[in-house]
Amino acid sequence: MAPEEFIFRSKLPDIPIPTHLPLHSYCFQNLSQFQHRPCLIDGDTGQTFTYAEVDLSARRIAAGLHRLGIRQGDVVMLLLRNCPQFALALLGISHRGAVVTTANPFYTAPELAKQATATKTKLIITQAAYVEKVKSFADSNEVMVMCIDSPQHDGVLEFSRLTNADEREAPGVKINPDDVVALPFSSGTSGLPKGVMISHKNLVTTVAQLVDGENPHQYTHSEDVLLCVLPMFHIYALNSILLCGIRAGAAVLILHKFEITWVLEVIEKYKVTVASFVPPIVLALVKSGEAQRYDLSSIRAVITGAAPLGRDLQEALEARLPHATFGQILIPPSFFFISLFIFGIFFTMNSNKSTHHRIYPNLFFKPISHFNQTLLHVYAFALFFALFNHGYGMTEAGPLTISMAFAKEPTKVKSGACGTVVRNAEMKIVDTETGASLPRNQPGEICIRGTKVMKGYLNDPEATERTIDKEGWLHTGDIGYMDDDDELFIVDRLKELIKYKGFQVAPAELESLLISHPNISDAAVVGMKDEAAGEVPVAFVVRSNGSKITEDEIKQYISQQVVFYKRISKVFFTESIPKAASGKILRKELTAKLNQGLMVMAN
C-alpha cells in the first residue's frame, strides 16, 4: 500500500491564467481599458509614460533590437539602477523574443564579465556611470554596449537607436510560452551563482497569482500609484511591483534611490497609494521629523516585514499612516531573492561613534543623521530577519506563499508565519532523509510545484536535477512546517549559502577565488554570526608551502574581485580543511570550531 501523500494548496480558489501569452502580451492584454492612464512615472524628473506610450516604446525597442542584430533567444543585459528605461527595455526585449538578464550595478567588472559570459550576452544596456565596468569585456568579446544617458566612450551606442526605431519594422515572432524571457542569477541551495531560466509562462503565472481573478489580495488596483524604490534588478521589485503594477493598470512611480525627504515629497505629490517598504525605510519614516510636514493620507496599503520591526515601531508606523492596511512579505533564505537581497540596504557606524549614521550604498540611499545609535544597530539587525519572516518566495519560483492581511475577510497574521500557499500551486513538506511527505506540524524541506517553477539552471543540468525532482517538485532547501490552519512556518535551512543582510553569498564562489591565489593551497568559507549583518563570510585558509601570506593580503585580494557584501570578514589559518571521502567540505565542523573559538574569545 502506497504511503499517504500530504499536499497543501491555497485557501483561495484557483483562477484561469493565460499562460499561452508571452509576457508583454499578458501585461498589455487589457490595454484598451487604460491606454491613456499613466503607467511609468520618473520620480526624479517627473516624466510620465502612459500605457499607450509604454506599449509603443516597447514595440519600437523590439524593432531597434532587430536592426542591431539581436535575434530571438539572444540575451540582453540590463545594468541599470531604477529608471523607466529599465521597464521599457524589459518589455521591448520580451517583444523581440529575446532574453533579459538583470545585473546588480554594485558588481565588480569580473563579476559582470562572468554573468555576461555565462549568458552569452550580445548587448549591455547601461548608464554612463557603469560603462567602465563592462567596456573592456565588451570590446574583447564583441559585445555591444548602449547607454540610456550620455555616452562618454567611443563605440558606445545611444538608447535612442532603440526608442526612435520604426515599430513597423519589428519582425513577427512566434514565442512559445516555455521560451526563456528572463535570466536572473541565484546561487540556489548551494554553489556558484547560476542563471535561473524563467519562461514567459513562469512570469505570467507568478504575476497572475498576485493580481488576477477574484483576488482577495487586491493591494494593486488600476487606480493605484505604486512606489518603486526597491531595486528593479532584483526579481522581487521586478515581479511584485513593476510587472504586477503594469498588469493591474496601475501607475508605477520609480525612484532611483532612497532619501527620506524626497520620498515624502513624491508620496505627497503623486498621492502614492501602495508602498513597499523595508525596515530601514520604516525607521526613517517614523523617526524623521520631516514626515509630519507631508500629507501621507493617500497611502492605503503598506507592504513591509512588520514583525521584526517590533511592536513600538509598528505602532508608530500605524500612527503615521492610520488609514493604511499593513501586510507582510517574507523573503526567506532561499529568496536570493540575489541573489539576492535585495534591497542593497546597509547600516554602518561612522568612525567618530557619534549618533550620525549612514545607510549604504549610495545607489539607493544618502546619509541619514541624528538617529539613536542603539536603534540603528538593532534595526540593522532587524532588517536581516525582516526578510525571513512574512511572505515567502525565491528566484526560482517567485512568491510561494501570500499573507492574508489584504483578504476580503482578513486573517490576523500569526507571529513568524509566512502565509498560505499561492493559488494555482502545490506545496509539500518532505522528510530530509526519506523524502516522504509529512503531515501538518512536522518540519521538513519545503517543496513547491506548478507552472511558476523555473525551467532550470542555465547550462547546469546537475544542479537542476538536484533542485527539481522527476515529479516536478522544486526543493527549496528551506525547512518548515504547515500548521493546522495551513499557514507556513520556516524554521531552518539546508543550504550552504551565507546571508549577509539578506544578500546571498555562495561559499563556493569565494573558495574558487581563494584557491586561485598562488600562496593558498586550500580554503573553505563559512558564515559567522554577526549582530548587524546576520552572517558574514569568513575563510579558513591553508597556506602554500613557504607562504607567509597575511590576512590583510587575502582580504584585499578578494575585495578587488567581488561586490562589497561578498568580502571576507575574517581569515583563520589552518593546517587542513576537513573533508568527507567524496571531497566535500565538512562545513559543520568548521562552523563548530568557529563557534568554539568565538566562545573562547568571548570568555
Foldseek 3Di string as FASTA:
>chain_A
DDDDADWAAFPDAFDDFPLQDFLLCLLCVVCVVFQQPWAEAALVPRDTAGNVRLNLQLLLLLLLCVVVVDAAAAEEEELEFWDVVVVSNLSNCSQRNYAYEYDHNLWALQVVLVVCVLRVHQEYEYAQVRCVSDVVSCVVSVHAYEYCDDHPDPRHHYPCSRRVGDSVSNDDDDHGSQRFHYFYWAQFQFDDIFTFGAGSSQLSVLLCLQANDPHQQPPAALAAEEEQLWTCSQPCCVRVPNSNNSSRNHYYHIYQADDLLSVLVVCQVVVHAEYEDELVNLVCCLPDPNLVVGDNASHAEYEYLPPLNDPVSNVSSCVSHVNHQYAYAAEAPQALSVCDDDRQWAKDADPVNDQWIQIDDPSHGGTDGDHDPVSVLSVLLSLLCSNHAEWYDHPQQHTQATAQSSGPPGDDDDGRWHHAGGHQKMKFFAAPVPRHTDAAPDKHWIKMAGSNGTPATRPCVPRRCVQAPPVGIGTRQWIWGAHPVRIIHTDGGRGQWDFFSSHTAHFNVLQVQLCVDPQFPGKTWHWDQDSSGRTAIAMETETDVPDPDDFVNSQVSVPNRTRPRNGHPYYHYDNDFDADPVRHGPVVVVRVVVVVVVVVVVD
